[in-house]
């Protein structure tokens, strides 16, 4: 018998299944369309089960946003491990922010709803801050020492704004593909560094 206050392995599995189901509902219906009934139906569980594993819908929503951010971060990390130079690492960061099969209108609309809610929900706001801090750190690891601190600051801001803007365009129905999105951001980065700096990035492990 599990000790009081301790979750069993099966309870951990059920929580994960509910969070994954919430993520699928989120992608299809956005933050505003995530109801307890939809989440439980997607998970193949009875409607009242959510209350057993989570204190409320807000807790499962927070867990879902954290789960998706972790998936994105893990994808970027995996790409970084395959990179052999600073330039390849920077490209890996860009590609990781436009995941295959995820850069589409439903996903973009869903995440736009989280961004809109972040201003009023401190928990969502903290997760967004963690995400942006990780993006800033990853970009800095590729460009620091290659360009000046002042240019680095502007480069990080510009890259982040471009990534956000392309996701916003996708939410509004843009037909920009994942490949083109990556090319646009990569071309922007190439335009703000000199040929000598580009060579240094390609030569530097």
C-alpha atoms as a PDB file:
ATOM      1  CA  UNK A   1       0.000   0.000   0.000  1.00  0.00           C
ATOM      2  CA  UNK A   2       1.325   3.440  -0.862  1.00  0.00           C
ATOM      3  CA  UNK A   3       2.160   5.729   2.036  1.00  0.00           C
ATOM      4  CA  UNK A   4      -0.189   8.640   2.567  1.00  0.00           C
ATOM      5  CA  UNK A   5       0.970  11.636   0.560  1.00  0.00           C
ATOM      6  CA  UNK A   6       3.049   9.485  -1.775  1.00  0.00           C
ATOM      7  CA  UNK A   7       1.999   8.819  -5.362  1.00  0.00           C
ATOM      8  CA  UNK A   8       2.184   5.299  -6.707  1.00  0.00           C
ATOM      9  CA  UNK A   9       3.731   4.445 -10.072  1.00  0.00           C
ATOM     10  CA  UNK A  10       0.295   3.941 -11.634  1.00  0.00           C
ATOM     11  CA  UNK A  11      -0.795   7.364 -10.365  1.00  0.00           C
ATOM     12  CA  UNK A  12       2.257   8.947 -11.981  1.00  0.00           C
ATOM     13  CA  UNK A  13       1.376   7.192 -15.244  1.00  0.00           C
ATOM     14  CA  UNK A  14      -2.237   8.397 -15.077  1.00  0.00           C
ATOM     15  CA  UNK A  15      -1.109  11.976 -14.428  1.00  0.00           C
ATOM     16  CA  UNK A  16       1.198  11.842 -17.441  1.00  0.00           C
ATOM     17  CA  UNK A  17      -1.598  10.406 -19.594  1.00  0.00           C
ATOM     18  CA  UNK A  18      -3.931  13.216 -18.518  1.00  0.00           C
ATOM     19  CA  UNK A  19      -1.298  15.873 -19.211  1.00  0.00           C
ATOM     20  CA  UNK A  20      -0.631  14.389 -22.662  1.00  0.00           C
ATOM     21  CA  UNK A  21      -4.374  14.274 -23.350  1.00  0.00           C
ATOM     22  CA  UNK A  22      -4.656  17.892 -22.219  1.00  0.00           C
ATOM     23  CA  UNK A  23      -1.891  18.790 -24.659  1.00  0.00           C
ATOM     24  CA  UNK A  24      -3.749  17.175 -27.574  1.00  0.00           C
ATOM     25  CA  UNK A  25      -6.958  19.001 -26.607  1.00  0.00           C
ATOM     26  CA  UNK A  26      -4.965  22.225 -26.269  1.00  0.00           C
ATOM     27  CA  UNK A  27      -3.572  21.910 -29.796  1.00  0.00           C
ATOM     28  CA  UNK A  28      -7.044  21.321 -31.222  1.00  0.00           C
ATOM     29  CA  UNK A  29      -9.083  23.779 -29.149  1.00  0.00           C
ATOM     30  CA  UNK A  30      -6.632  26.250 -27.595  1.00  0.00           C
ATOM     31  CA  UNK A  31      -6.454  27.262 -23.953  1.00  0.00           C
ATOM     32  CA  UNK A  32     -10.035  28.528 -23.827  1.00  0.00           C
ATOM     33  CA  UNK A  33     -11.414  25.276 -25.237  1.00  0.00           C
ATOM     34  CA  UNK A  34      -9.748  22.986 -22.726  1.00  0.00           C
ATOM     35  CA  UNK A  35     -12.561  21.567 -20.620  1.00  0.00           C
ATOM     36  CA  UNK A  36     -12.371  18.806 -18.038  1.00  0.00           C
ATOM     37  CA  UNK A  37     -14.771  16.728 -20.118  1.00  0.00           C
ATOM     38  CA  UNK A  38     -12.664  17.025 -23.267  1.00  0.00           C
ATOM     39  CA  UNK A  39      -9.447  16.185 -21.429  1.00  0.00           C
ATOM     40  CA  UNK A  40     -10.907  13.081 -19.772  1.00  0.00           C
ATOM     41  CA  UNK A  41     -12.558  11.936 -22.993  1.00  0.00           C
ATOM     42  CA  UNK A  42      -9.272  12.320 -24.876  1.00  0.00           C
ATOM     43  CA  UNK A  43      -7.494  10.326 -22.167  1.00  0.00           C
ATOM     44  CA  UNK A  44     -10.166   7.609 -22.269  1.00  0.00           C
ATOM     45  CA  UNK A  45     -10.984   8.131 -18.594  1.00  0.00           C
ATOM     46  CA  UNK A  46     -14.159   8.892 -16.668  1.00  0.00           C
ATOM     47  CA  UNK A  47     -15.085  12.608 -16.360  1.00  0.00           C
ATOM     48  CA  UNK A  48     -14.477  12.772 -12.610  1.00  0.00           C
ATOM     49  CA  UNK A  49     -10.967  11.296 -12.690  1.00  0.00           C
ATOM     50  CA  UNK A  50      -9.226  14.628 -13.260  1.00  0.00           C
ATOM     51  CA  UNK A  51     -10.203  15.832  -9.796  1.00  0.00           C
ATOM     52  CA  UNK A  52      -8.501  12.803  -8.247  1.00  0.00           C
ATOM     53  CA  UNK A  53      -5.100  13.464  -9.841  1.00  0.00           C
ATOM     54  CA  UNK A  54      -5.128  17.273  -9.951  1.00  0.00           C
ATOM     55  CA  UNK A  55      -6.399  19.980  -7.614  1.00  0.00           C
ATOM     56  CA  UNK A  56      -8.250  21.609 -10.479  1.00  0.00           C
ATOM     57  CA  UNK A  57      -8.198  22.358 -14.191  1.00  0.00           C
ATOM     58  CA  UNK A  58      -5.658  25.162 -13.681  1.00  0.00           C
ATOM     59  CA  UNK A  59      -3.149  22.682 -12.262  1.00  0.00           C
ATOM     60  CA  UNK A  60      -3.450  20.347 -15.248  1.00  0.00           C
ATOM     61  CA  UNK A  61      -3.220  23.308 -17.638  1.00  0.00           C
ATOM     62  CA  UNK A  62      -0.024  24.476 -15.951  1.00  0.00           C
ATOM     63  CA  UNK A  63       1.387  20.937 -16.113  1.00  0.00           C
ATOM     64  CA  UNK A  64       0.465  20.772 -19.811  1.00  0.00           C
ATOM     65  CA  UNK A  65       2.235  24.044 -20.669  1.00  0.00           C
ATOM     66  CA  UNK A  66       5.304  22.924 -18.709  1.00  0.00           C
ATOM     67  CA  UNK A  67       5.201  19.543 -20.498  1.00  0.00           C
ATOM     68  CA  UNK A  68       5.146  21.151 -23.943  1.00  0.00           C
ATOM     69  CA  UNK A  69       7.957  23.570 -23.065  1.00  0.00           C
ATOM     70  CA  UNK A  70      10.040  20.611 -21.889  1.00  0.00           C
ATOM     71  CA  UNK A  71       9.425  18.748 -25.163  1.00  0.00           C
ATOM     72  CA  UNK A  72      10.581  21.786 -27.133  1.00  0.00           C
ATOM     73  CA  UNK A  73      13.653  22.287 -24.947  1.00  0.00           C
ATOM     74  CA  UNK A  74      14.600  18.605 -25.164  1.00  0.00           C
ATOM     75  CA  UNK A  75      14.316  18.741 -28.959  1.00  0.00           C
ATOM     76  CA  UNK A  76      16.632  21.776 -29.083  1.00  0.00           C
ATOM     77  CA  UNK A  77      19.121  20.060 -26.749  1.00  0.00           C
ATOM     78  CA  UNK A  78      19.150  16.918 -28.923  1.00  0.00           C
ATOM     79  CA  UNK A  79      19.851  19.043 -32.007  1.00  0.00           C
ATOM     80  CA  UNK A  80      22.618  20.915 -30.170  1.00  0.00           C
ATOM     81  CA  UNK A  81      24.341  17.654 -29.301  1.00  0.00           C
ATOM     82  CA  UNK A  82      24.558  16.804 -33.015  1.00  0.00           C
ATOM     83  CA  UNK A  83      26.061  20.179 -33.935  1.00  0.00           C
ATOM     84  CA  UNK A  84      29.824  20.404 -34.593  1.00  0.00           C
ATOM     85  CA  UNK A  85      30.339  24.172 -34.697  1.00  0.00           C
ATOM     86  CA  UNK A  86      28.877  27.362 -33.292  1.00  0.00           C
ATOM     87  CA  UNK A  87      27.078  28.033 -36.569  1.00  0.00           C
ATOM     88  CA  UNK A  88      25.536  24.566 -36.568  1.00  0.00           C
ATOM     89  CA  UNK A  89      24.452  25.081 -32.954  1.00  0.00           C
ATOM     90  CA  UNK A  90      22.766  28.350 -33.871  1.00  0.00           C
ATOM     91  CA  UNK A  91      20.956  26.673 -36.769  1.00  0.00           C
ATOM     92  CA  UNK A  92      19.925  23.862 -34.407  1.00  0.00           C
ATOM     93  CA  UNK A  93      18.380  26.426 -32.057  1.00  0.00           C
ATOM     94  CA  UNK A  94      16.435  28.013 -34.908  1.00  0.00           C
ATOM     95  CA  UNK A  95      15.236  24.655 -36.272  1.00  0.00           C
ATOM     96  CA  UNK A  96      14.243  23.521 -32.781  1.00  0.00           C
ATOM     97  CA  UNK A  97      11.921  26.496 -32.444  1.00  0.00           C
ATOM     98  CA  UNK A  98      10.039  25.406 -35.584  1.00  0.00           C
ATOM     99  CA  UNK A  99       9.546  21.667 -34.885  1.00  0.00           C
ATOM    100  CA  UNK A 100       8.644  19.350 -37.755  1.00  0.00           C
ATOM    101  CA  UNK A 101       4.866  18.843 -38.051  1.00  0.00           C
ATOM    102  CA  UNK A 102       4.249  21.347 -35.215  1.00  0.00           C
ATOM    103  CA  UNK A 103       4.593  24.555 -37.206  1.00  0.00           C
ATOM    104  CA  UNK A 104       0.959  24.699 -38.279  1.00  0.00           C
ATOM    105  CA  UNK A 105      -2.019  26.931 -37.621  1.00  0.00           C
ATOM    106  CA  UNK A 106      -3.727  24.975 -34.816  1.00  0.00           C
ATOM    107  CA  UNK A 107      -0.543  24.753 -32.768  1.00  0.00           C
ATOM    108  CA  UNK A 108       0.258  28.412 -33.415  1.00  0.00           C
ATOM    109  CA  UNK A 109      -3.233  29.505 -32.339  1.00  0.00           C
ATOM    110  CA  UNK A 110      -3.023  27.368 -29.222  1.00  0.00           C
ATOM    111  CA  UNK A 111       0.264  28.947 -28.180  1.00  0.00           C
ATOM    112  CA  UNK A 112      -0.982  32.406 -28.972  1.00  0.00           C
ATOM    113  CA  UNK A 113      -3.725  31.783 -26.408  1.00  0.00           C
ATOM    114  CA  UNK A 114      -1.070  30.950 -23.775  1.00  0.00           C
ATOM    115  CA  UNK A 115       0.875  34.114 -24.583  1.00  0.00           C
ATOM    116  CA  UNK A 116      -2.322  36.132 -24.218  1.00  0.00           C
ATOM    117  CA  UNK A 117      -3.067  34.485 -20.855  1.00  0.00           C
ATOM    118  CA  UNK A 118       0.491  34.935 -19.536  1.00  0.00           C
ATOM    119  CA  UNK A 119      -0.101  38.598 -18.717  1.00  0.00           C
ATOM    120  CA  UNK A 120      -2.898  37.740 -16.288  1.00  0.00           C
ATOM    121  CA  UNK A 121      -1.642  34.340 -15.089  1.00  0.00           C
ATOM    122  CA  UNK A 122       1.660  34.517 -13.132  1.00  0.00           C
ATOM    123  CA  UNK A 123       2.285  30.777 -13.564  1.00  0.00           C
ATOM    124  CA  UNK A 124       2.093  30.984 -17.354  1.00  0.00           C
ATOM    125  CA  UNK A 125       4.176  34.139 -17.222  1.00  0.00           C
ATOM    126  CA  UNK A 126       6.922  32.343 -15.278  1.00  0.00           C
ATOM    127  CA  UNK A 127       6.969  29.497 -17.800  1.00  0.00           C
ATOM    128  CA  UNK A 128       7.265  31.979 -20.668  1.00  0.00           C
ATOM    129  CA  UNK A 129      10.134  33.680 -18.831  1.00  0.00           C
ATOM    130  CA  UNK A 130      11.924  30.339 -18.396  1.00  0.00           C
ATOM    131  CA  UNK A 131      11.440  29.606 -22.097  1.00  0.00           C
ATOM    132  CA  UNK A 132      12.816  32.983 -23.200  1.00  0.00           C
ATOM    133  CA  UNK A 133      15.729  32.752 -20.772  1.00  0.00           C
ATOM    134  CA  UNK A 134      16.652  29.361 -22.229  1.00  0.00           C
ATOM    135  CA  UNK A 135      16.443  30.760 -25.768  1.00  0.00           C
ATOM    136  CA  UNK A 136      18.624  33.708 -24.749  1.00  0.00           C
ATOM    137  CA  UNK A 137      21.189  31.427 -23.131  1.00  0.00           C
ATOM    138  CA  UNK A 138      21.337  29.100 -26.141  1.00  0.00           C
ATOM    139  CA  UNK A 139      21.825  31.956 -28.600  1.00  0.00           C
ATOM    140  CA  UNK A 140      24.465  33.571 -26.396  1.00  0.00           C
ATOM    141  CA  UNK A 141      26.417  30.306 -26.209  1.00  0.00           C
ATOM    142  CA  UNK A 142      26.826  30.432 -30.001  1.00  0.00           C
ATOM    143  CA  UNK A 143      27.512  34.138 -30.489  1.00  0.00           C
ATOM    144  CA  UNK A 144      29.308  35.229 -27.297  1.00  0.00           C
ATOM    145  CA  UNK A 145      32.933  36.095 -28.000  1.00  0.00           C
ATOM    146  CA  UNK A 146      32.200  36.337 -31.730  1.00  0.00           C
ATOM    147  CA  UNK A 147      30.346  39.656 -31.635  1.00  0.00           C
ATOM    148  CA  UNK A 148      30.400  42.466 -29.086  1.00  0.00           C
ATOM    149  CA  UNK A 149      28.102  42.352 -26.011  1.00  0.00           C
ATOM    150  CA  UNK A 150      26.043  45.245 -27.411  1.00  0.00           C
ATOM    151  CA  UNK A 151      25.491  43.481 -30.746  1.00  0.00           C
ATOM    152  CA  UNK A 152      24.829  40.202 -28.949  1.00  0.00           C
ATOM    153  CA  UNK A 153      22.007  41.793 -26.983  1.00  0.00           C
ATOM    154  CA  UNK A 154      20.403  43.149 -30.151  1.00  0.00           C
ATOM    155  CA  UNK A 155      20.922  39.839 -31.988  1.00  0.00           C
ATOM    156  CA  UNK A 156      19.163  37.875 -29.231  1.00  0.00           C
ATOM    157  CA  UNK A 157      16.260  40.333 -29.289  1.00  0.00           C
ATOM    158  CA  UNK A 158      16.014  40.278 -33.086  1.00  0.00           C
ATOM    159  CA  UNK A 159      16.092  36.486 -33.347  1.00  0.00           C
ATOM    160  CA  UNK A 160      13.465  36.122 -30.627  1.00  0.00           C
ATOM    161  CA  UNK A 161      11.186  38.681 -32.250  1.00  0.00           C
ATOM    162  CA  UNK A 162      11.495  36.953 -35.632  1.00  0.00           C
ATOM    163  CA  UNK A 163      10.628  33.564 -34.135  1.00  0.00           C
ATOM    164  CA  UNK A 164       7.616  35.001 -32.297  1.00  0.00           C
ATOM    165  CA  UNK A 165       6.517  36.934 -35.373  1.00  0.00           C
ATOM    166  CA  UNK A 166       6.600  33.881 -37.631  1.00  0.00           C
ATOM    167  CA  UNK A 167       4.487  31.901 -35.150  1.00  0.00           C
ATOM    168  CA  UNK A 168       2.059  34.835 -34.997  1.00  0.00           C
ATOM    169  CA  UNK A 169       1.866  34.894 -38.808  1.00  0.00           C
ATOM    170  CA  UNK A 170       1.166  31.156 -38.791  1.00  0.00           C
ATOM    171  CA  UNK A 171      -1.650  31.670 -36.279  1.00  0.00           C
ATOM    172  CA  UNK A 172      -3.137  34.246 -38.642  1.00  0.00           C
ATOM    173  CA  UNK A 173      -3.162  31.751 -41.516  1.00  0.00           C
ATOM    174  CA  UNK A 174       0.171  32.447 -43.208  1.00  0.00           C
ATOM    175  CA  UNK A 175       1.284  29.811 -45.711  1.00  0.00           C
ATOM    176  CA  UNK A 176       4.943  30.216 -44.700  1.00  0.00           C
ATOM    177  CA  UNK A 177       6.336  26.688 -44.380  1.00  0.00           C
ATOM    178  CA  UNK A 178       8.586  25.376 -41.621  1.00  0.00           C
ATOM    179  CA  UNK A 179      11.488  25.294 -44.086  1.00  0.00           C
ATOM    180  CA  UNK A 180      10.950  28.913 -45.141  1.00  0.00           C
ATOM    181  CA  UNK A 181      10.585  30.043 -41.515  1.00  0.00           C
ATOM    182  CA  UNK A 182      13.944  28.490 -40.661  1.00  0.00           C
ATOM    183  CA  UNK A 183      15.518  30.029 -43.772  1.00  0.00           C
ATOM    184  CA  UNK A 184      14.177  33.490 -42.920  1.00  0.00           C
ATOM    185  CA  UNK A 185      15.598  33.463 -39.392  1.00  0.00           C
ATOM    186  CA  UNK A 186      18.891  31.928 -40.553  1.00  0.00           C
ATOM    187  CA  UNK A 187      19.234  34.566 -43.282  1.00  0.00           C
ATOM    188  CA  UNK A 188      18.579  37.306 -40.745  1.00  0.00           C
ATOM    189  CA  UNK A 189      21.342  35.963 -38.500  1.00  0.00           C
ATOM    190  CA  UNK A 190      23.735  35.755 -41.455  1.00  0.00           C
ATOM    191  CA  UNK A 191      22.914  39.373 -42.345  1.00  0.00           C
ATOM    192  CA  UNK A 192      23.941  40.769 -38.944  1.00  0.00           C
ATOM    193  CA  UNK A 193      27.384  39.138 -38.756  1.00  0.00           C
ATOM    194  CA  UNK A 194      30.416  39.760 -40.935  1.00  0.00           C
ATOM    195  CA  UNK A 195      31.966  37.127 -43.235  1.00  0.00           C
ATOM    196  CA  UNK A 196      34.930  36.934 -40.830  1.00  0.00           C
ATOM    197  CA  UNK A 197      32.588  36.292 -37.893  1.00  0.00           C
ATOM    198  CA  UNK A 198      30.733  33.664 -39.896  1.00  0.00           C
ATOM    199  CA  UNK A 199      34.014  31.884 -40.637  1.00  0.00           C
ATOM    200  CA  UNK A 200      34.943  32.025 -36.958  1.00  0.00           C
ATOM    201  CA  UNK A 201      31.598  30.472 -36.009  1.00  0.00           C
ATOM    202  CA  UNK A 202      31.994  27.691 -38.566  1.00  0.00           C
ATOM    203  CA  UNK A 203      35.513  26.932 -37.374  1.00  0.00           C
ATOM    204  CA  UNK A 204      34.781  27.145 -33.658  1.00  0.00           C
ATOM    205  CA  UNK A 205      33.495  23.914 -31.990  1.00  0.00           C
END
